[in-house]
Every structure is written in structure tokens, then in C-alpha cells.
Amino acid sequence: MTPSIQISDLQVRYGDTVALHDIALDLPGGKIYGLLGRNGAGKTTLLSAVAGFRKPSAGSVRLGGEPVFENPRNTTRICLITEGGGVGDSTDNLRDVLDMARMLRPGWDDKYAEELLERFALPRKKSLGALSRGQRSAFGVVVGLASRAPLTMFDEAHLGMDAPTRRLFLDELLRDYVATQRTFVISTHLIEEQSPVFERVLILHEGRVMLHEELDELRSRGVSVTGPSAVVDDFVFGLTVLGEERLGPTKRVMVYGTLAEDSVRAARTHGLELGPVALQDLFIHLTGGVA
């Protein structure tokens, strides 16, 4: 059974600066979490504390009921891949990094690592420093997936990858999730591209948890309205508009909030099309609009 994550009254300070304020979360295992937040919201600090890399200033992080910090049993069950890979020094050979990962991760899967190296077209005999930024990121993904750690976290691990490689990353993550049901946490600014794999969404804002919801529940907080411009404008008058798009005489407006049944009927009567709203639009609205 995949262990759950319990975060209780977690604080992390850097001198006089409080990066995380009393974070309290109970995250069931065996799910894919999307971790969102603006720059400086505390995402990387939270993941570092969950991975046991950083000692909490107050509170605790537990995996399966046991502490994470300075607990080898749990730290070997957690894998955090950071921006640009972050899995070794520039002079390290890829094969040496994989050998080290094998020693550190009890669930390491050699066969899967070899398959992933082929799929991402990575040269085994080169050093990390000889790889492009995108290749280093892809290699970090290989280490994270092949670790088969019950809790695997990716912190902007896609940086430098081109679009096809990012797609391969998400496809592989989803395929492995279906096979293993381990827990994944993905911290990303590519909200619309990566949100299709999320089951739950966490939003951090200024070091605090703003929201923790199922993806579908969050999406239900908004609706898009599409139709002739003048009709759409009349329909959305007085509603909270998140954004709009125009294509000739047609307009699509994203609004925040759910529509009452009579409003839904009125939309259909006037030939308007109702649909889901983009998660990115909701995120921008919830965290204070365009900076």
C-alpha cells in the first residue's frame, strides 16, 4: 500500500523570513498531485521539507506515519527531482549516476532505466556536463521514474525539454502510475500542458496553502460561455470575468463561479455554448490576477 503524507503545522524559516506558514496537509497515497504557485510561493521549500532535505523550523512531515527528516527508512522511499535534473555533478558520468541511484533506492528498476534511456535518446557514456539542458532534465526524469520510489516528486523537472520530450515525460509518468500506483507530485508553471495528468491540485500562495481540491472540483468553479459577441456580453454582465477570446463575430468568455439552473437554461435558449474553464485562468484569478 502506498504510504500517505502527513504535514502538520509545518514552518520553514530562512533567518527572519518565513517561507512556509503553518502548512497542514493530509495527502492520501497513490495519487498524482499538481503543485501550483507563483514564483516565491514556497513550492520548492515545501518539496525539500517533504523529501527530508530541509529540517522544519516547526511542525513535522511524516510518510506512512513515520518522520521523514533524518529517517533513512523514509528518505530512501522518496525521490525528488529538481529543476534541470539535479541528480549529480557536471563531471559525473551518466552510468555512475545510475549506479549511485541503484544503491540509494531499494526499489530501483535497472530494466526500466535502460528502457527510458532509449526512449529519451540519452547517451550513456557522456558526463552530465556534456548534456544539453533539456537532456539533463530528461535524465533527471529517467532517475525519478526508474527509482520506483513510493513518493516521487518533480520540481519544474521539464525545464529545457522541447514539446515532444515533455509529452514523452507525461506519457511515461502516467503509464508508470497506472502500473505502480505510487504517489507523484508535479510542481510546474506549465499548468494547461501538465494538468491533464493531475488528480488533485495544491495551490500555495505566499507560503500558505490556498487550496487543496480534486481537479474536477476545482474546474467546476468556473465556466466558459461561447456565442455571438453581443449575446455573450449580455449574458455575462455582472459576473466575474476571468478572460475572453474573440474570433470574428464569436466570443468566448471565461467566468468564475457556478451558474444557477435558470442561467444554464437561459444560455441554451439563446444558443450559447457552455464549457469548462482553463485551470490556468482559475489559478491566475485565485492568486490575485495578472501580476
Protein backbone atom coordinates (compact mmCIF):
# COMPACT_ATOMS: atom_id res chain seq x y z
CA MET A 1 0.00 0.00 0.00
CA THR A 2 1.36 3.42 -0.94
CA PRO A 3 2.01 5.47 2.21
CA SER A 4 0.20 8.74 2.83
CA ILE A 5 1.87 12.07 3.59
CA GLN A 6 1.03 13.93 6.79
CA ILE A 7 2.20 17.52 7.15
CA SER A 8 1.43 19.13 10.50
CA ASP A 9 1.90 22.83 11.35
CA LEU A 10 4.96 22.99 9.11
CA GLN A 11 7.04 26.15 9.21
CA VAL A 12 10.30 26.81 7.39
CA ARG A 13 12.31 29.96 8.06
CA TYR A 14 15.32 31.47 6.35
CA GLY A 15 16.64 33.82 9.01
CA ASP A 16 13.86 36.32 9.66
CA THR A 17 11.94 35.29 6.55
CA VAL A 18 9.12 32.76 6.92
CA ALA A 19 8.93 30.73 3.69
CA LEU A 20 6.16 28.38 4.86
CA HIS A 21 3.46 29.30 7.37
CA ASP A 22 1.80 26.51 9.38
CA ILE A 23 1.24 24.12 6.47
CA ALA A 24 -1.21 21.35 7.35
CA LEU A 25 -1.98 18.68 4.75
CA ASP A 26 -3.04 15.05 4.75
CA LEU A 27 -2.31 13.62 1.32
CA PRO A 28 -3.51 10.08 0.59
CA GLY A 29 -1.01 7.91 -1.24
CA GLY A 30 -1.39 6.56 -4.75
CA LYS A 31 -2.41 9.82 -6.45
CA ILE A 32 -0.92 12.38 -8.82
CA TYR A 33 -0.79 15.85 -7.26
CA GLY A 34 -0.24 19.08 -9.14
CA LEU A 35 1.56 21.69 -7.01
CA LEU A 36 0.95 25.22 -8.28
CA GLY A 37 2.03 28.62 -7.08
CA ARG A 38 3.58 31.84 -8.27
CA ASN A 39 7.30 32.46 -8.04
CA GLY A 40 8.28 32.65 -4.38
CA ALA A 41 5.13 30.92 -3.16
CA GLY A 42 7.16 28.24 -1.34
CA LYS A 43 6.77 25.25 -3.66
CA THR A 44 10.44 24.25 -3.74
CA THR A 45 10.79 24.78 0.01
CA LEU A 46 7.77 22.55 0.65
CA LEU A 47 9.09 19.77 -1.58
CA SER A 48 12.53 20.00 0.06
CA ALA A 49 10.95 19.61 3.50
CA VAL A 50 8.79 16.70 2.35
CA ALA A 51 11.87 14.98 0.87
CA GLY A 52 13.78 15.39 4.13
CA PHE A 53 16.34 17.75 2.58
CA ARG A 54 15.42 20.59 4.89
CA LYS A 55 14.74 20.48 8.61
CA PRO A 56 11.42 22.10 9.54
CA SER A 57 11.70 25.18 11.74
CA ALA A 58 8.50 23.95 13.38
CA GLY A 59 5.97 21.19 12.81
CA SER A 60 6.60 17.87 11.11
CA VAL A 61 6.45 15.86 7.88
CA ARG A 62 5.59 12.16 8.05
CA LEU A 63 5.38 9.46 5.42
CA GLY A 64 3.28 6.47 6.40
CA GLY A 65 3.13 7.78 9.97
CA GLU A 66 6.93 7.97 10.40
CA PRO A 67 9.05 11.16 10.40
CA VAL A 68 10.93 11.98 7.21
CA PHE A 69 13.80 14.15 8.42
CA GLU A 70 16.89 12.13 9.39
CA ASN A 71 14.98 8.87 8.92
CA PRO A 72 16.79 6.69 6.32
CA ARG A 73 13.86 4.29 6.06
CA ASN A 74 11.69 7.09 4.69
CA THR A 75 14.24 9.16 2.78
CA THR A 76 15.06 6.12 0.65
CA ARG A 77 11.37 5.86 -0.21
CA ILE A 78 11.27 9.45 -1.51
CA CYS A 79 12.78 10.76 -4.72
CA LEU A 80 12.84 14.49 -5.52
CA ILE A 81 14.00 15.57 -8.98
CA THR A 82 14.65 19.30 -9.17
CA GLU A 83 14.95 21.85 -11.96
CA GLY A 84 17.45 20.78 -14.61
CA GLY A 85 17.70 17.22 -13.27
CA GLY A 86 19.75 17.90 -10.13
CA VAL A 87 20.98 14.30 -9.87
CA GLY A 88 24.76 14.73 -9.83
CA ASP A 89 27.79 16.91 -10.60
CA SER A 90 28.66 18.06 -14.11
CA THR A 91 31.71 15.77 -14.22
CA ASP A 92 29.72 12.65 -13.31
CA ASN A 93 29.22 10.00 -15.99
CA LEU A 94 25.58 9.03 -16.55
CA ARG A 95 26.36 5.41 -15.82
CA ASP A 96 27.95 6.37 -12.48
CA VAL A 97 24.88 8.39 -11.53
CA LEU A 98 22.65 5.40 -12.29
CA ASP A 99 24.90 3.15 -10.19
CA MET A 100 24.60 5.56 -7.26
CA ALA A 101 20.83 5.74 -7.69
CA ARG A 102 20.69 1.94 -7.58
CA MET A 103 22.46 1.94 -4.19
CA LEU A 104 20.23 4.65 -2.74
CA ARG A 105 16.82 3.40 -3.93
CA PRO A 106 15.62 -0.02 -2.72
CA GLY A 107 13.01 -0.16 -5.47
CA TRP A 108 15.36 0.83 -8.29
CA ASP A 109 14.46 -0.80 -11.61
CA ASP A 110 17.51 -1.31 -13.87
CA LYS A 111 15.49 -2.63 -16.79
CA TYR A 112 13.13 0.32 -16.70
CA ALA A 113 16.07 2.76 -16.52
CA GLU A 114 17.57 1.24 -19.67
CA GLU A 115 14.23 1.45 -21.46
CA LEU A 116 13.86 5.10 -20.51
CA LEU A 117 17.37 5.96 -21.67
CA GLU A 118 16.40 4.56 -25.07
CA ARG A 119 13.08 6.39 -25.19
CA PHE A 120 14.67 9.73 -24.29
CA ALA A 121 17.62 9.05 -26.65
CA LEU A 122 20.22 9.71 -23.94
CA PRO A 123 23.90 8.74 -24.37
CA ARG A 124 25.05 6.50 -21.52
CA LYS A 125 28.77 7.28 -21.67
CA LYS A 126 28.63 11.08 -21.58
CA SER A 127 29.05 13.21 -18.47
CA LEU A 128 26.20 15.32 -17.15
CA GLY A 129 28.09 18.46 -18.11
CA ALA A 130 28.23 17.34 -21.75
CA LEU A 131 24.45 17.16 -22.00
CA SER A 132 22.19 19.98 -23.11
CA ARG A 133 19.83 21.49 -20.55
CA GLY A 134 16.93 19.53 -21.97
CA GLN A 135 18.92 16.28 -21.90
CA ARG A 136 19.88 16.87 -18.25
CA SER A 137 16.23 17.38 -17.44
CA ALA A 138 15.30 14.21 -19.32
CA PHE A 139 17.99 12.29 -17.45
CA GLY A 140 16.56 13.54 -14.16
CA VAL A 141 13.18 12.21 -15.25
CA VAL A 142 14.78 8.83 -16.01
CA VAL A 143 16.25 8.69 -12.49
CA GLY A 144 12.96 9.75 -10.92
CA LEU A 145 10.82 7.23 -12.77
CA ALA A 146 13.28 4.33 -12.51
CA SER A 147 13.69 4.96 -8.77
CA ARG A 148 10.21 3.47 -8.32
CA ALA A 149 10.16 5.42 -5.04
CA PRO A 150 6.71 5.26 -3.40
CA LEU A 151 6.78 9.08 -3.30
CA THR A 152 8.33 10.64 -6.41
CA MET A 153 8.34 14.42 -6.87
CA PHE A 154 9.29 16.55 -9.87
CA ASP A 155 10.03 20.23 -9.26
CA GLU A 156 9.98 22.01 -12.65
CA ALA A 157 11.88 18.96 -13.91
CA HIS A 158 10.78 19.62 -17.50
CA LEU A 159 12.83 22.82 -17.97
CA GLY A 160 14.79 22.85 -21.20
CA MET A 161 12.84 19.98 -22.74
CA ASP A 162 11.20 20.52 -26.10
CA ALA A 163 7.48 19.85 -26.54
CA PRO A 164 7.80 16.22 -27.77
CA THR A 165 10.09 15.34 -24.86
CA ARG A 166 7.74 16.94 -22.35
CA ARG A 167 4.90 14.90 -23.86
CA LEU A 168 7.00 11.74 -23.54
CA PHE A 169 7.67 12.60 -19.88
CA LEU A 170 3.96 12.89 -19.09
CA ASP A 171 3.10 9.75 -21.06
CA GLU A 172 5.75 7.75 -19.22
CA LEU A 173 4.71 9.13 -15.84
CA LEU A 174 1.08 8.24 -16.44
CA ARG A 175 1.94 4.78 -17.73
CA ASP A 176 4.13 4.07 -14.70
CA TYR A 177 1.47 5.43 -12.36
CA VAL A 178 -1.11 3.05 -13.76
CA ALA A 179 1.34 0.16 -13.32
CA THR A 180 2.58 1.00 -9.82
CA GLN A 181 0.04 3.35 -8.20
CA ARG A 182 2.82 5.22 -6.42
CA THR A 183 2.43 8.86 -5.43
CA PHE A 184 3.61 11.61 -7.76
CA VAL A 185 3.85 15.34 -7.03
CA ILE A 186 4.45 17.62 -10.02
CA SER A 187 5.38 21.25 -9.40
CA THR A 188 5.02 23.21 -12.62
CA HIS A 189 4.26 26.51 -14.31
CA LEU A 190 3.07 24.67 -17.45
CA ILE A 191 -0.41 24.39 -15.99
CA GLU A 192 -2.50 23.62 -19.05
CA GLU A 193 0.05 21.25 -20.57
CA GLN A 194 0.55 19.13 -17.46
CA SER A 195 -2.79 19.39 -15.65
CA PRO A 196 -4.43 16.54 -17.65
CA VAL A 197 -2.49 14.03 -15.51
CA PHE A 198 -3.40 15.66 -12.16
CA GLU A 199 -5.93 14.08 -9.83
CA ARG A 200 -5.65 16.67 -7.10
CA VAL A 201 -4.38 20.24 -7.13
CA LEU A 202 -2.50 22.07 -4.39
CA ILE A 203 -2.09 25.84 -4.66
CA LEU A 204 0.46 27.60 -2.47
CA HIS A 205 0.28 31.36 -2.12
CA GLU A 206 2.72 33.41 -0.08
CA GLY A 207 3.83 30.39 1.90
CA ARG A 208 0.35 29.17 2.77
CA VAL A 209 -1.99 26.53 1.38
CA MET A 210 -4.66 28.40 -0.55
CA LEU A 211 -6.41 25.36 -1.96
CA HIS A 212 -6.33 21.55 -1.99
CA GLU A 213 -9.03 20.02 -4.18
CA GLU A 214 -9.79 17.34 -6.70
CA LEU A 215 -9.08 18.65 -10.21
CA ASP A 216 -12.66 18.21 -11.38
CA GLU A 217 -13.98 20.00 -8.31
CA LEU A 218 -11.67 22.94 -8.95
CA ARG A 219 -12.63 23.13 -12.61
CA SER A 220 -16.29 23.32 -11.60
CA ARG A 221 -15.58 26.73 -10.07
CA GLY A 222 -15.68 28.32 -13.50
CA VAL A 223 -17.42 28.08 -16.86
CA SER A 224 -16.75 29.27 -20.39
CA VAL A 225 -19.52 30.92 -22.40
CA THR A 226 -19.26 30.95 -26.20
CA GLY A 227 -21.52 32.56 -28.81
CA PRO A 228 -22.23 35.80 -30.68
CA SER A 229 -20.33 38.64 -29.02
CA ALA A 230 -23.31 40.81 -28.11
CA VAL A 231 -25.29 37.88 -26.70
CA VAL A 232 -22.31 36.70 -24.63
CA ASP A 233 -21.70 40.22 -23.29
CA ASP A 234 -25.32 40.48 -22.14
CA PHE A 235 -25.22 37.03 -20.55
CA VAL A 236 -22.03 37.60 -18.53
CA PHE A 237 -22.93 41.12 -17.37
CA GLY A 238 -22.42 41.30 -13.61
CA LEU A 239 -20.41 38.05 -13.45
CA THR A 240 -16.71 37.74 -12.55
CA VAL A 241 -14.91 37.55 -15.89
CA LEU A 242 -11.55 35.75 -15.91
CA GLY A 243 -10.72 36.42 -19.55
CA GLU A 244 -12.09 36.44 -23.07
CA GLU A 245 -11.19 35.44 -26.61
CA ARG A 246 -12.58 36.69 -29.94
CA LEU A 247 -12.77 35.00 -33.32
CA GLY A 248 -14.65 37.21 -35.77
CA PRO A 249 -18.22 37.70 -34.53
CA THR A 250 -17.83 34.92 -31.92
CA LYS A 251 -16.65 35.50 -28.39
CA ARG A 252 -15.62 33.10 -25.63
CA VAL A 253 -15.69 34.44 -22.08
CA MET A 254 -14.41 32.60 -19.00
CA VAL A 255 -16.29 33.41 -15.80
CA TYR A 256 -15.66 32.47 -12.20
CA GLY A 257 -18.41 30.75 -10.24
CA THR A 258 -21.12 28.20 -10.96
CA LEU A 259 -24.25 29.02 -12.91
CA ALA A 260 -27.71 28.54 -11.47
CA GLU A 261 -30.07 26.23 -13.36
CA ASP A 262 -32.12 29.14 -14.70
CA SER A 263 -28.94 30.72 -16.08
CA VAL A 264 -27.99 27.44 -17.75
CA ARG A 265 -31.44 27.24 -19.35
CA ALA A 266 -31.19 30.88 -20.48
CA ALA A 267 -27.82 30.19 -22.09
CA ARG A 268 -29.23 27.28 -24.05
CA THR A 269 -32.28 29.30 -25.07
CA HIS A 270 -30.00 31.98 -26.55
CA GLY A 271 -27.84 29.41 -28.35
CA LEU A 272 -24.80 29.87 -26.11
CA GLU A 273 -22.34 27.05 -25.58
CA LEU A 274 -21.18 26.34 -22.02
CA GLY A 275 -17.96 24.51 -21.28
CA PRO A 276 -15.11 24.07 -18.82
CA VAL A 277 -12.72 26.86 -17.94
CA ALA A 278 -8.95 26.54 -18.18
CA LEU A 279 -7.22 25.66 -14.92
CA GLN A 280 -4.63 28.35 -15.63
CA ASP A 281 -7.34 31.03 -15.74
CA LEU A 282 -8.67 29.85 -12.38
CA PHE A 283 -5.16 29.80 -10.91
CA ILE A 284 -4.43 33.36 -12.05
CA HIS A 285 -7.72 34.59 -10.62
CA LEU A 286 -7.31 32.82 -7.28
CA THR A 287 -3.77 34.08 -6.77
CA GLY A 288 -4.53 37.71 -7.48
CA GLY A 289 -4.80 38.18 -11.23
CA VAL A 290 -2.13 39.11 -13.73
CA ALA A 291 0.95 40.48 -11.97
